[in-house]
Amino acid sequence: MKNSVISVSGLKKSFKDNEALKGVNLEVQRGEIFALLGANGSGKTTIVNILSTLMKQDDGKAGICGFDVQRQSDLVRQNISLTGQFVALDGILTGRENLLMIAKLRGAANPDHVADDMLARFSLADAANRRAENYSGGMKRRLDIAMSLIGTPAVIFLDEPTTGLDPESRMEVWDTVKELAGGGTTILLTTQYLEEAEQLSDRIGILHGGEIITTGTLTELKEMFPPSKVEYIEKQPTLEEIFLAIVGRREKV
């Protein structure tokens, strides 16, 4: 696929007798938000861990920005950032101190400027000198994402970034993700919230039984859904209905 930043072919991974990935194929373009949907244990986090060089696949190929995740892992890490399911902050440090620490670890030329820029960009300037442990859930997640952006990575992996957040905080994170993609960052998002994928994604992949069984835009996936019953108005299927229909049809095969 033209301009592919994430490229996966025949990816396999097993844990003892459990075949978690059975030959995953995936392409994500530059500046795209790609949502990966699947039930608990479907292999979403396994894919993210392999692509972010935290885990080695058993078979298949995976590349980020043209670099092989196994053979060129150092170059891959220079181009990516990972925000996991749980925020990775030092609660004792202030928001600004957390950002300064990461900026210094990544060798930023002007750590103070980087920290101030991120605080402004993520609407955290007013809370810059408060301990991170006193932040709301949405503020913690925004700070976590801000820290992951230091160094301007080409690709960001967001592994269920809004799990456990209240609706208001979830919307704050959504706004941040949209802003990142608007700036050209490629984002691979895993989520169990189907509304989240519906709101954010350019394309959606459904992971089931260790394989991505279909991909497409929301419009393309809706076309796979049985025609709506028309009474007075046409009822459009939700992404949740589409997901369940596709998975159910696959299980009957």
Protein backbone atom coordinates (compact mmCIF):
# COMPACT_ATOMS: atom_id res chain seq x y z
CA MET A 1 0.00 0.00 0.00
CA LYS A 2 1.29 3.43 -0.95
CA ASN A 3 2.78 5.45 1.93
CA SER A 4 2.48 2.51 4.35
CA VAL A 5 4.16 3.28 7.64
CA ILE A 6 3.12 0.08 9.42
CA SER A 7 3.44 -3.12 7.39
CA VAL A 8 2.64 -6.58 8.76
CA SER A 9 2.60 -9.86 6.83
CA GLY A 10 1.84 -13.36 8.12
CA LEU A 11 2.46 -12.45 11.76
CA LYS A 12 2.26 -15.43 14.12
CA LYS A 13 2.71 -15.75 17.88
CA SER A 14 1.97 -18.58 20.31
CA PHE A 15 2.09 -18.81 24.08
CA LYS A 16 2.55 -22.49 24.97
CA ASP A 17 -0.55 -24.15 23.50
CA ASN A 18 -2.36 -20.91 22.77
CA GLU A 19 -1.97 -19.66 19.20
CA ALA A 20 -2.57 -15.96 19.79
CA LEU A 21 -1.82 -14.73 16.25
CA LYS A 22 -2.39 -17.02 13.27
CA GLY A 23 -1.07 -14.98 10.38
CA VAL A 24 -2.00 -11.33 10.77
CA ASN A 25 -1.74 -9.05 7.74
CA LEU A 26 -1.98 -5.28 8.17
CA GLU A 27 -1.06 -2.03 6.40
CA VAL A 28 -1.44 1.45 7.92
CA GLN A 29 -0.76 4.61 5.96
CA ARG A 30 1.02 7.78 7.02
CA GLY A 31 -1.19 10.12 9.05
CA GLU A 32 -3.93 7.51 9.42
CA ILE A 33 -5.81 6.54 12.59
CA PHE A 34 -6.28 2.77 12.37
CA ALA A 35 -8.52 1.21 15.02
CA LEU A 36 -7.98 -2.44 15.87
CA LEU A 37 -11.08 -4.01 17.42
CA GLY A 38 -11.34 -7.32 19.19
CA ALA A 39 -12.55 -9.02 22.34
CA ASN A 40 -10.35 -9.56 25.39
CA GLY A 41 -7.63 -12.06 24.53
CA SER A 42 -8.00 -11.57 20.78
CA GLY A 43 -4.34 -10.56 20.39
CA LYS A 44 -4.56 -6.77 20.13
CA THR A 45 -1.91 -6.08 22.78
CA THR A 46 0.28 -8.88 21.38
CA ILE A 47 0.34 -7.11 18.01
CA VAL A 48 1.22 -3.80 19.66
CA ASN A 49 3.97 -5.42 21.73
CA ILE A 50 5.52 -6.99 18.63
CA LEU A 51 5.36 -3.79 16.59
CA SER A 52 6.87 -1.76 19.44
CA THR A 53 9.77 -4.28 19.76
CA LEU A 54 8.71 -5.45 23.25
CA MET A 55 8.07 -8.99 22.01
CA LYS A 56 9.36 -11.16 19.16
CA GLN A 57 7.02 -12.86 16.73
CA ASP A 58 7.32 -16.57 15.97
CA ASP A 59 6.90 -16.07 12.24
CA GLY A 60 6.01 -13.40 9.69
CA LYS A 61 7.33 -9.94 8.98
CA ALA A 62 6.63 -6.58 10.60
CA GLY A 63 8.02 -3.18 9.63
CA ILE A 64 7.74 0.38 10.88
CA CYS A 65 8.77 3.26 8.57
CA GLY A 66 10.58 0.75 6.39
CA PHE A 67 12.58 -0.78 9.29
CA ASP A 68 12.25 -4.43 10.30
CA VAL A 69 11.07 -4.70 13.93
CA GLN A 70 13.40 -7.61 14.68
CA ARG A 71 16.53 -6.87 12.68
CA GLN A 72 16.42 -3.06 13.06
CA SER A 73 14.74 -2.68 16.43
CA ASP A 74 16.88 0.32 17.46
CA LEU A 75 15.79 2.26 14.36
CA VAL A 76 12.17 1.25 14.93
CA ARG A 77 12.28 2.55 18.52
CA GLN A 78 13.57 5.89 17.25
CA ASN A 79 10.39 6.28 15.20
CA ILE A 80 7.70 5.11 17.60
CA SER A 81 6.07 5.81 20.92
CA LEU A 82 3.79 3.61 23.01
CA THR A 83 1.03 4.64 25.38
CA GLY A 84 -0.14 1.54 27.21
CA GLN A 85 -3.38 0.71 28.99
CA PHE A 86 -2.13 2.27 32.22
CA VAL A 87 -0.54 5.71 32.51
CA ALA A 88 3.21 5.70 33.15
CA LEU A 89 3.75 8.75 35.33
CA ASP A 90 5.71 9.56 38.48
CA GLY A 91 2.93 10.77 40.77
CA ILE A 92 5.33 12.51 43.14
CA LEU A 93 6.70 14.71 40.36
CA THR A 94 4.76 17.62 38.94
CA GLY A 95 3.48 17.53 35.40
CA ARG A 96 6.33 19.74 34.26
CA GLU A 97 8.93 17.63 36.07
CA ASN A 98 7.62 14.47 34.37
CA LEU A 99 8.02 16.12 30.97
CA LEU A 100 11.47 17.48 31.83
CA MET A 101 12.63 14.03 32.89
CA ILE A 102 11.59 12.45 29.58
CA ALA A 103 13.00 15.35 27.54
CA LYS A 104 16.39 14.94 29.23
CA LEU A 105 16.35 11.15 28.83
CA ARG A 106 15.68 11.57 25.11
CA GLY A 107 18.46 14.11 24.73
CA ALA A 108 16.31 17.11 23.81
CA ALA A 109 18.42 20.21 23.06
CA ASN A 110 16.25 22.46 25.24
CA PRO A 111 14.29 20.37 27.78
CA ASP A 112 12.67 23.41 29.42
CA HIS A 113 11.29 24.63 26.11
CA VAL A 114 10.04 21.13 25.22
CA ALA A 115 8.25 20.80 28.58
CA ASP A 116 6.61 24.22 28.31
CA ASP A 117 5.54 23.54 24.72
CA MET A 118 3.91 20.23 25.65
CA LEU A 119 2.14 21.74 28.65
CA ALA A 120 0.64 24.42 26.42
CA ARG A 121 -0.20 22.00 23.62
CA PHE A 122 -2.11 19.66 25.91
CA SER A 123 -3.82 22.39 28.00
CA LEU A 124 -1.88 21.49 31.15
CA ALA A 125 -0.05 24.80 31.74
CA ASP A 126 -2.29 25.79 34.65
CA ALA A 127 -1.53 22.47 36.37
CA ALA A 128 2.19 22.40 35.47
CA ASN A 129 3.40 22.66 39.06
CA ARG A 130 0.88 20.29 40.62
CA ARG A 131 1.86 16.73 41.48
CA ALA A 132 0.73 14.34 38.78
CA GLU A 133 -0.95 12.13 41.37
CA ASN A 134 -3.48 14.92 41.91
CA TYR A 135 -4.45 15.15 38.23
CA SER A 136 -7.83 13.91 36.99
CA GLY A 137 -7.93 10.77 34.87
CA GLY A 138 -8.14 12.76 31.64
CA MET A 139 -5.28 15.05 32.65
CA LYS A 140 -3.08 12.08 33.54
CA ARG A 141 -3.75 10.49 30.18
CA ARG A 142 -3.05 13.76 28.33
CA LEU A 143 0.23 14.10 30.24
CA ASP A 144 1.07 10.48 29.44
CA ILE A 145 0.49 11.10 25.72
CA ALA A 146 2.46 14.36 25.88
CA MET A 147 5.43 12.49 27.36
CA SER A 148 5.21 9.89 24.60
CA LEU A 149 5.33 12.62 21.94
CA ILE A 150 8.67 14.08 23.00
CA GLY A 151 11.01 13.42 20.11
CA THR A 152 8.21 13.71 17.50
CA PRO A 153 7.67 9.98 16.78
CA ALA A 154 6.26 9.07 13.38
CA VAL A 155 4.06 6.34 14.85
CA ILE A 156 2.15 6.20 18.13
CA PHE A 157 0.61 3.03 19.51
CA LEU A 158 -2.35 3.67 21.81
CA ASP A 159 -3.30 0.45 23.59
CA GLU A 160 -6.81 0.98 25.00
CA PRO A 161 -5.97 4.57 25.99
CA THR A 162 -9.33 5.43 27.56
CA THR A 163 -9.95 2.29 29.63
CA GLY A 164 -11.42 3.30 32.98
CA LEU A 165 -11.88 6.97 32.10
CA ASP A 166 -15.13 8.84 32.63
CA PRO A 167 -16.94 10.10 29.48
CA GLU A 168 -15.62 13.65 29.81
CA SER A 169 -12.02 12.49 30.17
CA ARG A 170 -12.50 10.09 27.27
CA MET A 171 -13.58 12.96 25.03
CA GLU A 172 -10.48 14.95 26.08
CA VAL A 173 -8.28 12.07 24.93
CA TRP A 174 -10.24 11.79 21.67
CA ASP A 175 -9.57 15.46 20.92
CA THR A 176 -5.86 14.89 21.56
CA VAL A 177 -5.73 11.88 19.22
CA LYS A 178 -7.49 13.80 16.44
CA GLU A 179 -5.00 16.65 16.84
CA LEU A 180 -2.05 14.26 16.56
CA ALA A 181 -3.36 12.67 13.38
CA GLY A 182 -4.08 16.11 11.95
CA GLY A 183 -0.39 16.89 12.39
CA GLY A 184 0.66 13.84 10.33
CA THR A 185 1.29 11.30 13.09
CA THR A 186 0.30 7.72 12.29
CA ILE A 187 -1.76 6.14 15.06
CA LEU A 188 -2.62 2.52 15.70
CA LEU A 189 -5.37 2.41 18.30
CA THR A 190 -6.64 -0.68 20.08
CA THR A 191 -9.93 -0.36 21.86
CA GLN A 192 -12.93 -2.25 23.19
CA TYR A 193 -15.09 0.85 22.95
CA LEU A 194 -16.76 0.62 19.56
CA GLU A 195 -17.97 4.21 19.79
CA GLU A 196 -14.34 5.24 20.19
CA ALA A 197 -13.37 3.56 16.93
CA GLU A 198 -16.42 5.06 15.25
CA GLN A 199 -15.46 8.58 16.37
CA LEU A 200 -11.72 8.45 15.71
CA SER A 201 -10.71 5.99 13.03
CA ASP A 202 -10.04 6.46 9.35
CA ARG A 203 -10.07 2.68 8.96
CA ILE A 204 -11.02 -0.21 11.21
CA GLY A 205 -9.68 -3.76 11.48
CA ILE A 206 -11.55 -6.55 13.25
CA LEU A 207 -9.31 -9.09 14.98
CA HIS A 208 -10.94 -12.42 15.72
CA GLY A 209 -9.53 -15.90 16.25
CA GLY A 210 -5.96 -14.66 15.87
CA GLU A 211 -6.57 -13.11 12.45
CA ILE A 212 -7.74 -9.78 11.09
CA ILE A 213 -10.88 -10.99 9.35
CA THR A 214 -11.77 -7.69 7.68
CA THR A 215 -10.65 -4.08 7.36
CA GLY A 216 -12.25 -0.98 5.94
CA THR A 217 -13.73 2.42 6.60
CA LEU A 218 -16.88 2.64 8.67
CA THR A 219 -18.86 3.17 5.45
CA GLU A 220 -17.31 0.06 3.88
CA LEU A 221 -18.08 -2.03 6.95
CA LYS A 222 -21.67 -0.80 6.97
CA GLU A 223 -22.03 -2.13 3.42
CA MET A 224 -21.25 -5.61 4.79
CA PHE A 225 -24.21 -5.38 7.17
CA PRO A 226 -27.59 -6.78 6.02
CA PRO A 227 -29.87 -4.11 4.49
CA SER A 228 -31.77 -2.10 7.07
CA LYS A 229 -35.48 -2.59 7.52
CA VAL A 230 -37.19 0.51 6.22
CA GLU A 231 -40.39 1.66 7.86
CA TYR A 232 -40.53 5.43 8.07
CA ILE A 233 -36.78 6.04 8.17
CA GLU A 234 -33.78 3.86 7.41
CA LYS A 235 -32.09 2.56 10.54
CA GLN A 236 -28.31 2.74 10.11
CA PRO A 237 -26.38 -0.03 11.89
CA THR A 238 -24.02 0.93 14.67
CA LEU A 239 -20.39 -0.22 14.57
CA GLU A 240 -21.22 -2.58 17.46
CA GLU A 241 -23.92 -4.30 15.36
CA ILE A 242 -21.53 -4.55 12.40
CA PHE A 243 -18.78 -6.03 14.61
CA LEU A 244 -21.07 -8.68 16.10
CA ALA A 245 -22.53 -9.59 12.70
CA ILE A 246 -19.11 -10.04 11.07
CA VAL A 247 -17.71 -12.09 13.96
CA GLY A 248 -20.86 -14.21 14.17
CA ARG A 249 -20.82 -14.93 10.43
CA ARG A 250 -17.12 -15.91 10.68
CA GLU A 251 -17.81 -18.38 13.51
CA LYS A 252 -20.48 -20.17 11.47
CA VAL A 253 -18.08 -20.82 8.57
